[in-house]
Amino acid sequence: SFEFSAQYIISTNMQLPEVMSSVASGLYTGDMTVELNCPFGLPTVIRYTLDGTEPTESSPEYTEPLATTGNMLLKAKAFRGTSYLPSDTTTYDIRIMPQSVAIGPDIWTQAPLVTLTCATEGVTILYSTDGNEPLTEYTEPFYLYETTTIKAIATKAGYTDSVLSEKVFSITSVQPVQSSLPAGTYQGAQSVILYCDT
């Protein structure tokens, strides 16, 4: 008789499904965490890159949610040994911008003291008082003495600029104080009334 044995490597040639992200491509306010998963019935290894390059089997392995620290160009791919074809690469272009600038005060009378604040830490606030693009860096509160439109944005390295904030401060000019008695020399006591037309 005769015995014959052989080893066979069976390949399914099935391609893994694309990696899904909990955060779609788009523009968002404030940092967040991004979760990845491969919708396949068996365990897979997800590998990713953040520098725009194609993920390979030597790229970092996804093991926990990824925290954004500004804009994120995320590319991910699923692998499962040699029996399955890797998934197609999925790309998620996630843009993060700081919170918008708050322009204060909300209530004022004459010569308001303007403050510019942002809830996002580490930002630079740029503003303008002439209606043009904000280019002046905000360093301290400042007074306004005439009707002014303030525009402001928050910027931060690695982030998309915040939404433009805009506020109009309507200020009525104060008229000078006037006297009911013209300047001059008078005999005897005189009654003087001071008034302002504002």
C-alpha atoms as a PDB file:
ATOM      1  CA  SER A   1       0.000   0.000   0.000  1.00  0.00           C
ATOM      2  CA  PHE A   2       0.971   3.542  -0.283  1.00  0.00           C
ATOM      3  CA  GLU A   3       0.468   6.548   2.024  1.00  0.00           C
ATOM      4  CA  PHE A   4       0.349  10.075   0.845  1.00  0.00           C
ATOM      5  CA  SER A   5       0.219  13.204   2.993  1.00  0.00           C
ATOM      6  CA  ALA A   6       0.212  16.825   2.079  1.00  0.00           C
ATOM      7  CA  GLN A   7      -0.237  20.212   3.750  1.00  0.00           C
ATOM      8  CA  TYR A   8      -2.658  22.616   2.255  1.00  0.00           C
ATOM      9  CA  ILE A   9      -2.919  26.350   2.928  1.00  0.00           C
ATOM     10  CA  ILE A  10      -6.469  27.387   2.329  1.00  0.00           C
ATOM     11  CA  SER A  11      -7.060  31.015   1.535  1.00  0.00           C
ATOM     12  CA  THR A  12     -10.565  32.354   1.585  1.00  0.00           C
ATOM     13  CA  ASN A  13      -9.546  35.402  -0.465  1.00  0.00           C
ATOM     14  CA  MET A  14     -12.240  37.210   1.469  1.00  0.00           C
ATOM     15  CA  GLN A  15     -11.550  40.879   1.981  1.00  0.00           C
ATOM     16  CA  LEU A  16     -12.165  42.350   5.398  1.00  0.00           C
ATOM     17  CA  PRO A  17     -14.714  45.170   5.652  1.00  0.00           C
ATOM     18  CA  GLU A  18     -13.520  48.754   6.044  1.00  0.00           C
ATOM     19  CA  VAL A  19     -12.740  50.162   9.477  1.00  0.00           C
ATOM     20  CA  MET A  20     -15.485  52.319  10.937  1.00  0.00           C
ATOM     21  CA  SER A  21     -14.937  55.436  13.069  1.00  0.00           C
ATOM     22  CA  SER A  22     -17.165  56.875  15.790  1.00  0.00           C
ATOM     23  CA  VAL A  23     -16.352  60.344  14.416  1.00  0.00           C
ATOM     24  CA  ALA A  24     -16.942  61.139  10.756  1.00  0.00           C
ATOM     25  CA  SER A  25     -14.811  63.497   8.704  1.00  0.00           C
ATOM     26  CA  GLY A  26     -15.838  67.078   9.374  1.00  0.00           C
ATOM     27  CA  LEU A  27     -15.337  70.212  11.440  1.00  0.00           C
ATOM     28  CA  TYR A  28     -15.908  70.034  15.204  1.00  0.00           C
ATOM     29  CA  THR A  29     -15.620  72.369  18.168  1.00  0.00           C
ATOM     30  CA  GLY A  30     -13.360  71.063  20.939  1.00  0.00           C
ATOM     31  CA  ASP A  31     -11.220  67.943  21.192  1.00  0.00           C
ATOM     32  CA  MET A  32     -12.786  64.475  21.404  1.00  0.00           C
ATOM     33  CA  THR A  33     -11.972  60.760  21.410  1.00  0.00           C
ATOM     34  CA  VAL A  34     -12.218  58.604  18.307  1.00  0.00           C
ATOM     35  CA  GLU A  35     -13.159  54.916  18.476  1.00  0.00           C
ATOM     36  CA  LEU A  36     -12.416  52.460  15.648  1.00  0.00           C
ATOM     37  CA  ASN A  37     -13.941  49.080  14.886  1.00  0.00           C
ATOM     38  CA  CYS A  38     -14.076  46.557  12.069  1.00  0.00           C
ATOM     39  CA  PRO A  39     -17.595  45.161  11.523  1.00  0.00           C
ATOM     40  CA  PHE A  40     -16.460  41.554  11.073  1.00  0.00           C
ATOM     41  CA  GLY A  41     -17.584  38.464  12.982  1.00  0.00           C
ATOM     42  CA  LEU A  42     -14.028  37.363  13.870  1.00  0.00           C
ATOM     43  CA  PRO A  43     -11.247  39.288  15.636  1.00  0.00           C
ATOM     44  CA  THR A  44      -9.173  41.581  13.480  1.00  0.00           C
ATOM     45  CA  VAL A  45      -6.159  43.817  14.035  1.00  0.00           C
ATOM     46  CA  ILE A  46      -6.702  47.480  13.192  1.00  0.00           C
ATOM     47  CA  ARG A  47      -3.655  49.515  12.337  1.00  0.00           C
ATOM     48  CA  TYR A  48      -3.610  53.237  11.706  1.00  0.00           C
ATOM     49  CA  THR A  49      -1.509  56.278  10.841  1.00  0.00           C
ATOM     50  CA  LEU A  50      -1.881  59.976  11.653  1.00  0.00           C
ATOM     51  CA  ASP A  51       0.654  61.391   9.184  1.00  0.00           C
ATOM     52  CA  GLY A  52      -1.209  60.744   5.942  1.00  0.00           C
ATOM     53  CA  THR A  53       0.730  57.579   5.035  1.00  0.00           C
ATOM     54  CA  GLU A  54      -0.828  54.242   4.137  1.00  0.00           C
ATOM     55  CA  PRO A  55      -1.300  51.863   7.114  1.00  0.00           C
ATOM     56  CA  THR A  56       0.742  48.652   6.944  1.00  0.00           C
ATOM     57  CA  GLU A  57       1.156  45.631   9.214  1.00  0.00           C
ATOM     58  CA  SER A  58       3.961  47.504  10.962  1.00  0.00           C
ATOM     59  CA  SER A  59       1.867  50.621  11.673  1.00  0.00           C
ATOM     60  CA  PRO A  60       0.663  51.298  15.250  1.00  0.00           C
ATOM     61  CA  GLU A  61      -2.053  48.912  16.421  1.00  0.00           C
ATOM     62  CA  TYR A  62      -5.320  50.378  17.596  1.00  0.00           C
ATOM     63  CA  THR A  63      -5.899  49.238  21.193  1.00  0.00           C
ATOM     64  CA  GLU A  64      -7.816  52.136  22.767  1.00  0.00           C
ATOM     65  CA  PRO A  65      -9.730  55.256  21.719  1.00  0.00           C
ATOM     66  CA  LEU A  66      -7.596  57.977  20.135  1.00  0.00           C
ATOM     67  CA  ALA A  67      -7.713  61.449  21.666  1.00  0.00           C
ATOM     68  CA  THR A  68      -7.534  64.380  19.286  1.00  0.00           C
ATOM     69  CA  THR A  69      -5.204  67.258  20.078  1.00  0.00           C
ATOM     70  CA  GLY A  70      -6.138  69.388  17.127  1.00  0.00           C
ATOM     71  CA  ASN A  71      -6.744  68.395  13.530  1.00  0.00           C
ATOM     72  CA  MET A  72      -6.409  64.656  12.831  1.00  0.00           C
ATOM     73  CA  LEU A  73      -5.868  62.972   9.465  1.00  0.00           C
ATOM     74  CA  LEU A  74      -6.610  59.365  10.420  1.00  0.00           C
ATOM     75  CA  LYS A  75      -6.090  56.417   8.089  1.00  0.00           C
ATOM     76  CA  ALA A  76      -7.023  52.916   9.233  1.00  0.00           C
ATOM     77  CA  LYS A  77      -6.915  49.382   7.878  1.00  0.00           C
ATOM     78  CA  ALA A  78      -7.967  45.976   9.230  1.00  0.00           C
ATOM     79  CA  PHE A  79      -5.791  42.830   9.063  1.00  0.00           C
ATOM     80  CA  ARG A  80      -6.375  39.158   9.904  1.00  0.00           C
ATOM     81  CA  GLY A  81      -3.424  36.924   9.078  1.00  0.00           C
ATOM     82  CA  THR A  82      -2.876  35.549   5.588  1.00  0.00           C
ATOM     83  CA  SER A  83      -6.260  33.894   5.141  1.00  0.00           C
ATOM     84  CA  TYR A  84      -8.058  37.186   4.561  1.00  0.00           C
ATOM     85  CA  LEU A  85      -7.285  40.149   2.395  1.00  0.00           C
ATOM     86  CA  PRO A  86      -6.736  43.391   4.349  1.00  0.00           C
ATOM     87  CA  SER A  87      -9.556  45.887   4.227  1.00  0.00           C
ATOM     88  CA  ASP A  88      -9.425  48.938   2.044  1.00  0.00           C
ATOM     89  CA  THR A  89      -7.928  51.954   3.750  1.00  0.00           C
ATOM     90  CA  THR A  90     -10.438  54.362   5.244  1.00  0.00           C
ATOM     91  CA  THR A  91      -9.533  58.004   5.744  1.00  0.00           C
ATOM     92  CA  TYR A  92     -11.099  60.334   8.306  1.00  0.00           C
ATOM     93  CA  ASP A  93     -10.223  64.026   8.029  1.00  0.00           C
ATOM     94  CA  ILE A  94     -11.260  65.360  11.433  1.00  0.00           C
ATOM     95  CA  ARG A  95     -10.898  69.113  11.883  1.00  0.00           C
ATOM     96  CA  ILE A  96     -10.963  70.584  15.386  1.00  0.00           C
ATOM     97  CA  MET A  97     -11.425  74.263  16.195  1.00  0.00           C
ATOM     98  CA  PRO A  98     -11.346  76.093  19.534  1.00  0.00           C
ATOM     99  CA  GLN A  99     -14.463  77.442  21.207  1.00  0.00           C
ATOM    100  CA  SER A 100     -15.602  80.782  19.799  1.00  0.00           C
ATOM    101  CA  VAL A 101     -14.467  83.991  21.482  1.00  0.00           C
ATOM    102  CA  ALA A 102     -16.826  85.570  24.007  1.00  0.00           C
ATOM    103  CA  ILE A 103     -16.942  89.356  23.684  1.00  0.00           C
ATOM    104  CA  GLY A 104     -17.951  91.287  26.795  1.00  0.00           C
ATOM    105  CA  PRO A 105     -19.488  93.125  28.458  1.00  0.00           C
ATOM    106  CA  ASP A 106     -23.135  92.341  27.699  1.00  0.00           C
ATOM    107  CA  ILE A 107     -24.403  95.507  29.394  1.00  0.00           C
ATOM    108  CA  TRP A 108     -22.717  98.893  29.174  1.00  0.00           C
ATOM    109  CA  THR A 109     -23.407 102.606  29.299  1.00  0.00           C
ATOM    110  CA  GLN A 110     -20.513 104.816  28.290  1.00  0.00           C
ATOM    111  CA  ALA A 111     -16.955 103.734  27.401  1.00  0.00           C
ATOM    112  CA  PRO A 112     -17.331  99.962  27.928  1.00  0.00           C
ATOM    113  CA  LEU A 113     -14.291  97.957  29.011  1.00  0.00           C
ATOM    114  CA  VAL A 114     -14.075  95.221  26.369  1.00  0.00           C
ATOM    115  CA  THR A 115     -12.917  91.728  27.357  1.00  0.00           C
ATOM    116  CA  LEU A 116     -12.218  88.804  25.003  1.00  0.00           C
ATOM    117  CA  THR A 117     -12.183  85.269  26.409  1.00  0.00           C
ATOM    118  CA  CYS A 118     -12.119  81.693  25.075  1.00  0.00           C
ATOM    119  CA  ALA A 119     -12.986  78.491  26.946  1.00  0.00           C
ATOM    120  CA  THR A 120     -10.295  76.551  25.051  1.00  0.00           C
ATOM    121  CA  GLU A 121      -6.917  76.673  26.808  1.00  0.00           C
ATOM    122  CA  GLY A 122      -3.740  77.801  25.093  1.00  0.00           C
ATOM    123  CA  VAL A 123      -5.310  79.853  22.318  1.00  0.00           C
ATOM    124  CA  THR A 124      -4.281  83.190  20.874  1.00  0.00           C
ATOM    125  CA  ILE A 125      -7.147  85.633  20.398  1.00  0.00           C
ATOM    126  CA  LEU A 126      -6.995  88.001  17.445  1.00  0.00           C
ATOM    127  CA  TYR A 127      -9.369  90.928  17.049  1.00  0.00           C
ATOM    128  CA  SER A 128     -10.149  94.021  15.015  1.00  0.00           C
ATOM    129  CA  THR A 129     -12.031  97.235  15.731  1.00  0.00           C
ATOM    130  CA  ASP A 130     -12.363  98.526  12.164  1.00  0.00           C
ATOM    131  CA  GLY A 131     -14.560  95.818  10.674  1.00  0.00           C
ATOM    132  CA  ASN A 132     -11.659  94.112   8.885  1.00  0.00           C
ATOM    133  CA  GLU A 133     -10.084  90.691   9.407  1.00  0.00           C
ATOM    134  CA  PRO A 134      -8.922  90.154  13.027  1.00  0.00           C
ATOM    135  CA  LEU A 135      -5.141  90.525  13.100  1.00  0.00           C
ATOM    136  CA  THR A 136      -4.356  92.276  16.401  1.00  0.00           C
ATOM    137  CA  GLU A 137      -3.414  89.998  19.284  1.00  0.00           C
ATOM    138  CA  TYR A 138      -5.521  90.517  22.404  1.00  0.00           C
ATOM    139  CA  THR A 139      -3.449  90.939  25.558  1.00  0.00           C
ATOM    140  CA  GLU A 140      -5.628  92.942  27.954  1.00  0.00           C
ATOM    141  CA  PRO A 141      -9.073  94.606  28.232  1.00  0.00           C
ATOM    142  CA  PHE A 142      -9.523  97.940  26.462  1.00  0.00           C
ATOM    143  CA  TYR A 143     -12.022 100.816  26.489  1.00  0.00           C
ATOM    144  CA  LEU A 144     -14.200 102.006  23.620  1.00  0.00           C
ATOM    145  CA  TYR A 145     -15.262 105.632  23.267  1.00  0.00           C
ATOM    146  CA  GLU A 146     -17.267 105.483  20.059  1.00  0.00           C
ATOM    147  CA  THR A 147     -19.544 103.042  18.242  1.00  0.00           C
ATOM    148  CA  THR A 148     -17.336 100.111  17.232  1.00  0.00           C
ATOM    149  CA  THR A 149     -17.694  96.663  15.678  1.00  0.00           C
ATOM    150  CA  ILE A 150     -15.462  94.082  17.342  1.00  0.00           C
ATOM    151  CA  LYS A 151     -14.499  90.945  15.412  1.00  0.00           C
ATOM    152  CA  ALA A 152     -12.499  88.168  17.048  1.00  0.00           C
ATOM    153  CA  ILE A 153     -11.252  84.620  16.447  1.00  0.00           C
ATOM    154  CA  ALA A 154      -9.289  82.099  18.517  1.00  0.00           C
ATOM    155  CA  THR A 155      -6.258  80.411  16.948  1.00  0.00           C
ATOM    156  CA  LYS A 156      -4.097  77.525  18.137  1.00  0.00           C
ATOM    157  CA  ALA A 157      -1.264  75.599  16.494  1.00  0.00           C
ATOM    158  CA  GLY A 158      -2.543  72.408  14.880  1.00  0.00           C
ATOM    159  CA  TYR A 159      -6.175  73.539  15.025  1.00  0.00           C
ATOM    160  CA  THR A 160      -8.559  75.166  12.576  1.00  0.00           C
ATOM    161  CA  ASP A 161      -9.415  78.769  13.505  1.00  0.00           C
ATOM    162  CA  SER A 162     -12.574  79.234  15.564  1.00  0.00           C
ATOM    163  CA  VAL A 163     -15.822  80.611  14.220  1.00  0.00           C
ATOM    164  CA  LEU A 164     -15.689  84.407  13.865  1.00  0.00           C
ATOM    165  CA  SER A 165     -17.316  86.273  16.766  1.00  0.00           C
ATOM    166  CA  GLU A 166     -18.728  89.728  16.111  1.00  0.00           C
ATOM    167  CA  LYS A 167     -20.338  92.343  18.325  1.00  0.00           C
ATOM    168  CA  VAL A 168     -21.394  95.956  17.791  1.00  0.00           C
ATOM    169  CA  PHE A 169     -20.982  98.386  20.671  1.00  0.00           C
ATOM    170  CA  SER A 170     -23.316 101.344  20.113  1.00  0.00           C
ATOM    171  CA  ILE A 171     -22.046 104.288  22.099  1.00  0.00           C
ATOM    172  CA  THR A 172     -23.694 107.705  22.351  1.00  0.00           C
ATOM    173  CA  SER A 173     -21.181 110.514  22.608  1.00  0.00           C
ATOM    174  CA  VAL A 174     -21.466 112.576  25.773  1.00  0.00           C
ATOM    175  CA  GLN A 175     -22.076 116.267  25.106  1.00  0.00           C
ATOM    176  CA  PRO A 176     -20.108 118.818  27.124  1.00  0.00           C
ATOM    177  CA  VAL A 177     -21.615 120.344  30.252  1.00  0.00           C
ATOM    178  CA  GLN A 178     -23.080 123.807  29.634  1.00  0.00           C
ATOM    179  CA  SER A 179     -23.942 126.691  31.914  1.00  0.00           C
ATOM    180  CA  SER A 180     -27.105 128.769  31.899  1.00  0.00           C
ATOM    181  CA  LEU A 181     -24.974 131.836  32.672  1.00  0.00           C
ATOM    182  CA  PRO A 182     -22.479 132.901  30.005  1.00  0.00           C
ATOM    183  CA  ALA A 183     -18.944 133.727  31.041  1.00  0.00           C
ATOM    184  CA  GLY A 184     -18.520 137.336  32.117  1.00  0.00           C
ATOM    185  CA  THR A 185     -18.441 139.803  35.018  1.00  0.00           C
ATOM    186  CA  TYR A 186     -21.653 140.304  37.005  1.00  0.00           C
ATOM    187  CA  GLN A 187     -22.707 142.523  39.904  1.00  0.00           C
ATOM    188  CA  GLY A 188     -24.318 140.714  42.766  1.00  0.00           C
ATOM    189  CA  ALA A 189     -25.097 137.039  43.241  1.00  0.00           C
ATOM    190  CA  GLN A 190     -26.289 135.114  40.197  1.00  0.00           C
ATOM    191  CA  SER A 191     -28.105 131.779  39.849  1.00  0.00           C
ATOM    192  CA  VAL A 192     -26.270 129.254  37.668  1.00  0.00           C
ATOM    193  CA  ILE A 193     -27.736 126.065  36.215  1.00  0.00           C
ATOM    194  CA  LEU A 194     -25.484 123.413  34.716  1.00  0.00           C
ATOM    195  CA  TYR A 195     -26.898 120.996  32.138  1.00  0.00           C
ATOM    196  CA  CYS A 196     -25.910 118.444  29.500  1.00  0.00           C
ATOM    197  CA  ASP A 197     -27.863 117.731  26.292  1.00  0.00           C
ATOM    198  CA  THR A 198     -26.930 114.051  26.249  1.00  0.00           C
END
